């Protein structure tokens, strides 16, 4: 027979058992996405990662937790941000753009998947694209190497153009490479290049204010999280200053920019999501060859062209992947 004291003890054990059982259950893996710019600009890329993870059975909020960590273009914050994620032992870290350069300084075994626009070998992220080695692998669009091609397309759009400006964020890791590449391409064809720099929103306004005095024929806007955050502002300033502008991705033309040429940002993040899914299933980054995007797309905004008084040559319209009416 069970006495009153034993009965109360059994009740306590029964009440505590579910809590103990839950504590012993494996925690939901955490995937951290580190974006160098503002959080609102990270929503679409993060959705692309989330979608591809869902396709392989990892649903955010169900059997995986996906966290967004945005640096708001303050690159000095990145080391502390990564140190915190490493202390927490998250399951995987996805890094985009300039954020990838900060994470490589940490000696960690946590799997890391990058998405960048430059050469990952030259950046010191991997030993080679085919055999990454270590705990890092990912995707590159080689966007930084398309500067000369963009310059040529702008000249096709404006055959009389010979004086160009390039807007660059000097904080971006690929800034020096792009500057040298564009100077070489322009020099080979007898064109003039003006380098404008912007590290903040006010710098963007100042750069555009200087365009009138420089009398440039067109502007090229380099890849940068800061510029992506301010794509509407850039498109409006271009129209207000009557300066035709070339951008690196379709998000700018969708925001009112004239023309863009480059890899699809959402496709790149989708590939990152596929890699993260494979890692969560047990594969090692060292065994996942890096992926280089080979498809680039050109998008033209006809409404902006009409506002600027530019007639798009039929040859460009014929090869455009999309024309926004």
Protein backbone atom coordinates (compact mmCIF):
# COMPACT_ATOMS: atom_id res chain seq x y z
CA UNK A 1 0.00 0.00 0.00
CA UNK A 2 1.24 3.46 -0.88
CA UNK A 3 1.22 5.90 2.02
CA UNK A 4 0.41 9.61 1.72
CA UNK A 5 4.09 10.69 1.64
CA UNK A 6 4.96 8.22 -1.17
CA UNK A 7 1.92 9.32 -3.14
CA UNK A 8 2.93 12.98 -3.00
CA UNK A 9 6.48 12.05 -4.05
CA UNK A 10 5.16 10.11 -7.06
CA UNK A 11 3.04 13.08 -8.08
CA UNK A 12 6.10 15.33 -7.99
CA UNK A 13 8.11 12.94 -10.12
CA UNK A 14 5.29 12.64 -12.66
CA UNK A 15 4.94 16.42 -12.88
CA UNK A 16 8.68 16.90 -13.38
CA UNK A 17 9.09 14.14 -16.00
CA UNK A 18 7.72 16.05 -19.04
CA UNK A 19 10.07 18.96 -18.29
CA UNK A 20 13.06 16.64 -18.03
CA UNK A 21 12.06 14.84 -21.22
CA UNK A 22 11.76 18.12 -23.12
CA UNK A 23 15.15 19.24 -21.82
CA UNK A 24 16.73 16.06 -23.19
CA UNK A 25 15.22 16.47 -26.64
CA UNK A 26 17.64 17.78 -29.30
CA UNK A 27 17.49 21.55 -29.82
CA UNK A 28 16.30 22.95 -33.14
CA UNK A 29 19.38 23.83 -35.25
CA UNK A 30 20.01 27.54 -35.70
CA UNK A 31 21.11 28.96 -39.05
CA UNK A 32 22.41 32.53 -38.85
CA UNK A 33 22.28 34.73 -41.95
CA UNK A 34 24.71 37.66 -41.74
CA UNK A 35 23.97 40.54 -44.08
CA UNK A 36 26.24 43.61 -44.23
CA UNK A 37 23.49 46.16 -44.98
CA UNK A 38 20.13 47.14 -43.49
CA UNK A 39 17.70 44.40 -42.38
CA UNK A 40 14.90 45.52 -44.72
CA UNK A 41 17.16 44.91 -47.74
CA UNK A 42 17.87 41.39 -46.49
CA UNK A 43 14.25 40.25 -46.52
CA UNK A 44 14.10 39.05 -50.15
CA UNK A 45 17.51 37.27 -50.10
CA UNK A 46 16.65 35.60 -46.80
CA UNK A 47 13.31 34.47 -48.23
CA UNK A 48 15.20 32.79 -51.10
CA UNK A 49 17.33 30.87 -48.57
CA UNK A 50 14.26 29.98 -46.52
CA UNK A 51 12.40 28.74 -49.62
CA UNK A 52 15.18 26.37 -50.72
CA UNK A 53 15.60 25.05 -47.18
CA UNK A 54 11.88 24.36 -47.08
CA UNK A 55 12.15 22.37 -50.31
CA UNK A 56 14.54 19.92 -48.63
CA UNK A 57 12.46 19.60 -45.48
CA UNK A 58 13.75 22.36 -43.21
CA UNK A 59 10.94 24.72 -42.26
CA UNK A 60 11.79 27.91 -40.40
CA UNK A 61 10.15 27.91 -36.98
CA UNK A 62 9.46 24.17 -37.15
CA UNK A 63 12.62 22.07 -37.39
CA UNK A 64 15.12 24.87 -37.99
CA UNK A 65 15.46 28.44 -36.74
CA UNK A 66 16.77 31.00 -39.23
CA UNK A 67 18.11 34.20 -37.71
CA UNK A 68 18.89 37.45 -39.51
CA UNK A 69 21.87 39.48 -38.29
CA UNK A 70 22.29 42.74 -40.22
CA UNK A 71 25.33 44.98 -39.74
CA UNK A 72 23.61 48.12 -41.12
CA UNK A 73 26.74 48.90 -43.16
CA UNK A 74 28.82 49.21 -39.99
CA UNK A 75 31.52 46.70 -40.85
CA UNK A 76 33.26 47.29 -37.49
CA UNK A 77 30.35 45.41 -35.87
CA UNK A 78 30.97 42.21 -37.80
CA UNK A 79 33.78 40.68 -35.69
CA UNK A 80 31.75 40.94 -32.47
CA UNK A 81 28.67 39.62 -34.26
CA UNK A 82 30.54 36.55 -35.53
CA UNK A 83 32.22 35.97 -32.17
CA UNK A 84 28.79 35.83 -30.54
CA UNK A 85 27.45 33.35 -33.11
CA UNK A 86 30.48 31.13 -32.63
CA UNK A 87 30.08 31.20 -28.85
CA UNK A 88 26.47 30.11 -29.30
CA UNK A 89 27.57 27.20 -31.51
CA UNK A 90 24.95 27.80 -34.20
CA UNK A 91 24.53 24.97 -36.68
CA UNK A 92 25.62 27.00 -39.73
CA UNK A 93 26.37 30.57 -40.77
CA UNK A 94 25.40 32.05 -44.14
CA UNK A 95 27.34 35.20 -45.01
CA UNK A 96 26.81 37.65 -47.84
CA UNK A 97 29.08 40.20 -49.50
CA UNK A 98 31.57 42.05 -47.35
CA UNK A 99 30.51 40.04 -44.30
CA UNK A 100 32.40 37.05 -45.70
CA UNK A 101 35.74 38.82 -45.32
CA UNK A 102 35.15 39.33 -41.60
CA UNK A 103 34.24 35.72 -40.82
CA UNK A 104 37.38 34.26 -42.39
CA UNK A 105 39.45 35.70 -39.53
CA UNK A 106 37.81 33.31 -37.04
CA UNK A 107 39.16 29.84 -36.39
CA UNK A 108 35.97 27.84 -36.04
CA UNK A 109 34.59 24.48 -37.09
CA UNK A 110 31.07 25.85 -37.62
CA UNK A 111 30.03 25.36 -41.29
CA UNK A 112 29.98 28.62 -43.24
CA UNK A 113 28.33 29.22 -46.61
CA UNK A 114 29.23 32.45 -48.42
CA UNK A 115 27.64 34.40 -51.24
CA UNK A 116 30.01 36.95 -52.76
CA UNK A 117 30.64 38.79 -56.03
CA UNK A 118 34.42 38.37 -56.15
CA UNK A 119 36.99 35.58 -56.36
CA UNK A 120 36.78 33.47 -53.16
CA UNK A 121 40.30 32.11 -53.67
CA UNK A 122 41.78 35.59 -54.01
CA UNK A 123 39.76 36.67 -50.98
CA UNK A 124 41.30 33.85 -48.95
CA UNK A 125 38.00 32.13 -48.22
CA UNK A 126 38.80 28.78 -49.85
CA UNK A 127 41.83 26.95 -51.16
CA UNK A 128 40.07 26.43 -54.49
CA UNK A 129 36.50 26.59 -55.74
CA UNK A 130 36.39 22.86 -56.58
CA UNK A 131 38.07 21.76 -53.35
CA UNK A 132 37.22 24.35 -50.70
CA UNK A 133 38.83 22.55 -47.78
CA UNK A 134 38.10 23.51 -44.19
CA UNK A 135 34.67 24.61 -43.04
CA UNK A 136 33.80 27.19 -45.73
CA UNK A 137 32.15 26.86 -49.13
CA UNK A 138 29.65 28.88 -51.13
CA UNK A 139 28.63 30.80 -54.22
CA UNK A 140 30.24 33.54 -56.29
CA UNK A 141 28.71 35.59 -59.06
CA UNK A 142 32.06 37.19 -60.01
CA UNK A 143 30.08 40.44 -60.27
CA UNK A 144 33.23 42.43 -59.63
CA UNK A 145 34.72 41.11 -62.87
CA UNK A 146 31.87 42.40 -65.03
CA UNK A 147 32.84 46.07 -64.77
CA UNK A 148 34.39 46.27 -68.23
CA UNK A 149 31.36 44.52 -69.76
CA UNK A 150 29.00 46.99 -68.08
CA UNK A 151 31.07 49.88 -69.36
CA UNK A 152 30.78 48.52 -72.89
CA UNK A 153 27.02 48.09 -72.57
CA UNK A 154 26.62 51.68 -71.44
CA UNK A 155 28.56 52.78 -74.51
CA UNK A 156 26.26 50.64 -76.67
CA UNK A 157 23.35 52.44 -75.05
CA UNK A 158 24.98 55.87 -75.52
CA UNK A 159 27.36 55.60 -78.49
CA UNK A 160 28.72 59.13 -78.01
CA UNK A 161 29.56 58.57 -74.35
CA UNK A 162 33.26 58.84 -73.51
CA UNK A 163 33.28 60.31 -70.00
CA UNK A 164 32.02 58.03 -67.24
CA UNK A 165 31.70 58.18 -63.47
CA UNK A 166 31.77 55.14 -61.17
CA UNK A 167 30.20 55.19 -57.71
CA UNK A 168 32.11 52.91 -55.32
CA UNK A 169 31.93 52.18 -51.62
CA UNK A 170 35.62 52.04 -50.58
CA UNK A 171 34.71 49.78 -47.64
CA UNK A 172 33.80 46.97 -50.02
CA UNK A 173 36.54 44.33 -50.43
CA UNK A 174 36.30 44.42 -54.24
CA UNK A 175 36.57 48.23 -54.54
CA UNK A 176 40.27 48.35 -55.45
CA UNK A 177 39.99 45.54 -57.99
CA UNK A 178 37.00 47.17 -59.68
CA UNK A 179 38.70 50.57 -59.84
CA UNK A 180 41.80 49.14 -61.54
CA UNK A 181 39.69 47.03 -63.91
CA UNK A 182 37.57 49.97 -65.05
CA UNK A 183 40.55 52.29 -65.45
CA UNK A 184 42.23 49.71 -67.67
CA UNK A 185 39.08 49.10 -69.74
CA UNK A 186 38.45 52.84 -70.24
CA UNK A 187 42.08 53.60 -71.07
CA UNK A 188 42.14 50.89 -73.74
CA UNK A 189 39.27 52.63 -75.55
CA UNK A 190 40.30 56.22 -74.95
CA UNK A 191 37.54 56.95 -72.46
CA UNK A 192 37.75 58.90 -69.22
CA UNK A 193 36.75 57.49 -65.83
CA UNK A 194 35.89 59.49 -62.70
CA UNK A 195 35.81 57.59 -59.39
CA UNK A 196 33.21 58.77 -56.88
CA UNK A 197 33.15 57.29 -53.38
CA UNK A 198 30.34 56.93 -50.85
CA UNK A 199 30.42 55.31 -47.42
CA UNK A 200 27.12 56.76 -46.18
CA UNK A 201 23.79 58.20 -47.33
CA UNK A 202 25.11 61.76 -47.18
CA UNK A 203 28.10 60.72 -49.29
CA UNK A 204 25.68 59.52 -51.98
CA UNK A 205 24.02 62.94 -52.13
CA UNK A 206 27.40 64.66 -52.30
CA UNK A 207 28.60 62.34 -55.07
CA UNK A 208 25.58 63.13 -57.23
CA UNK A 209 25.93 66.84 -56.53
CA UNK A 210 29.43 66.68 -58.03
CA UNK A 211 28.26 65.08 -61.28
CA UNK A 212 27.08 68.36 -62.81
CA UNK A 213 30.54 69.91 -62.53
CA UNK A 214 32.19 66.79 -63.90
CA UNK A 215 29.86 66.70 -66.94
CA UNK A 216 29.89 62.91 -67.22
CA UNK A 217 27.91 61.09 -69.88
CA UNK A 218 26.85 58.18 -67.66
CA UNK A 219 27.27 56.62 -64.24
CA UNK A 220 28.12 53.08 -63.18
CA UNK A 221 27.04 52.07 -59.66
CA UNK A 222 29.23 49.34 -58.15
CA UNK A 223 28.03 46.49 -55.95
CA UNK A 224 27.55 47.45 -52.31
CA UNK A 225 25.08 46.66 -49.56
CA UNK A 226 24.86 50.41 -48.91
CA UNK A 227 23.80 51.08 -52.51
CA UNK A 228 21.36 48.18 -52.42
CA UNK A 229 19.76 49.69 -49.32
CA UNK A 230 19.49 53.04 -51.15
CA UNK A 231 18.50 51.79 -54.60
CA UNK A 232 15.34 53.96 -54.75
CA UNK A 233 17.34 57.02 -53.71
CA UNK A 234 19.96 56.25 -56.38
CA UNK A 235 17.34 55.84 -59.11
CA UNK A 236 15.64 59.11 -58.16
CA UNK A 237 18.92 61.04 -58.02
CA UNK A 238 19.92 59.68 -61.41
CA UNK A 239 16.69 60.92 -62.98
CA UNK A 240 16.81 64.25 -61.14
CA UNK A 241 20.38 64.86 -62.30
CA UNK A 242 19.60 63.50 -65.79
CA UNK A 243 22.49 61.03 -65.57
CA UNK A 244 21.93 57.60 -67.18
CA UNK A 245 23.08 54.91 -64.75
CA UNK A 246 24.10 51.25 -65.00
CA UNK A 247 23.59 48.97 -61.98
CA UNK A 248 24.78 45.51 -60.95
CA UNK A 249 21.47 43.72 -60.39
CA UNK A 250 17.79 43.80 -61.31
CA UNK A 251 16.65 45.14 -57.92
CA UNK A 252 17.92 48.56 -58.97
CA UNK A 253 16.02 48.63 -62.26
CA UNK A 254 12.89 47.39 -60.51
CA UNK A 255 13.31 50.39 -58.19
CA UNK A 256 13.44 52.79 -61.17
CA UNK A 257 17.04 52.49 -62.35
CA UNK A 258 17.74 52.62 -66.09
CA UNK A 259 19.66 49.41 -66.78
CA UNK A 260 21.29 46.58 -64.86
CA UNK A 261 23.62 43.76 -65.81
CA UNK A 262 24.69 40.99 -63.47
CA UNK A 263 23.81 37.75 -61.74
CA UNK A 264 20.47 37.28 -60.02
CA UNK A 265 20.83 37.94 -56.29
CA UNK A 266 17.90 35.71 -55.34
CA UNK A 267 19.24 32.81 -57.41
CA UNK A 268 22.55 33.13 -55.59
CA UNK A 269 20.86 32.99 -52.20
CA UNK A 270 18.77 30.05 -53.34
CA UNK A 271 22.01 28.17 -54.04
CA UNK A 272 23.22 29.14 -50.58
CA UNK A 273 20.03 27.64 -49.16
CA UNK A 274 20.65 24.38 -51.00
CA UNK A 275 24.14 24.13 -49.52
CA UNK A 276 22.90 24.86 -46.00
CA UNK A 277 20.30 22.12 -46.39
CA UNK A 278 22.97 19.61 -47.41
CA UNK A 279 25.11 20.63 -44.45
CA UNK A 280 22.21 20.22 -42.03
CA UNK A 281 21.74 16.72 -43.44
CA UNK A 282 25.34 15.87 -42.55
CA UNK A 283 27.55 16.84 -45.48
CA UNK A 284 30.79 18.75 -44.82
CA UNK A 285 31.65 22.11 -46.44
CA UNK A 286 35.03 20.70 -47.47
CA UNK A 287 33.19 18.14 -49.63
CA UNK A 288 30.89 20.69 -51.31
CA UNK A 289 32.58 22.35 -54.32
CA UNK A 290 31.91 26.07 -54.56
CA UNK A 291 29.48 27.24 -57.22
CA UNK A 292 30.14 29.99 -59.75
CA UNK A 293 27.11 31.57 -61.37
CA UNK A 294 27.45 31.54 -65.15
CA UNK A 295 24.15 33.20 -66.00
CA UNK A 296 23.91 36.97 -66.01
CA UNK A 297 20.84 38.99 -66.88
CA UNK A 298 20.25 42.40 -68.36
CA UNK A 299 17.14 44.34 -67.31
CA UNK A 300 16.07 47.64 -68.89
CA UNK A 301 13.53 50.08 -67.48
CA UNK A 302 11.80 51.68 -70.48
CA UNK A 303 9.84 54.15 -68.36
CA UNK A 304 13.08 55.55 -66.93
CA UNK A 305 14.60 55.65 -70.42
CA UNK A 306 11.67 57.76 -71.65
CA UNK A 307 11.99 60.08 -68.65
CA UNK A 308 15.68 60.60 -69.45
CA UNK A 309 14.92 61.04 -73.16
CA UNK A 310 16.95 57.98 -74.16
CA UNK A 311 15.98 55.79 -77.10
CA UNK A 312 17.10 52.23 -76.31
CA UNK A 313 18.86 50.72 -79.37
CA UNK A 314 16.97 47.72 -80.82
CA UNK A 315 20.12 45.61 -80.43
CA UNK A 316 20.02 46.05 -76.65
CA UNK A 317 16.27 45.46 -76.45
CA UNK A 318 16.78 42.21 -78.37
CA UNK A 319 19.28 40.80 -75.90
CA UNK A 320 17.65 42.10 -72.71
CA UNK A 321 16.34 39.39 -70.40
CA UNK A 322 13.55 41.66 -69.24
CA UNK A 323 12.18 45.04 -70.28
CA UNK A 324 10.18 46.88 -67.63
CA UNK A 325 7.44 48.95 -69.25
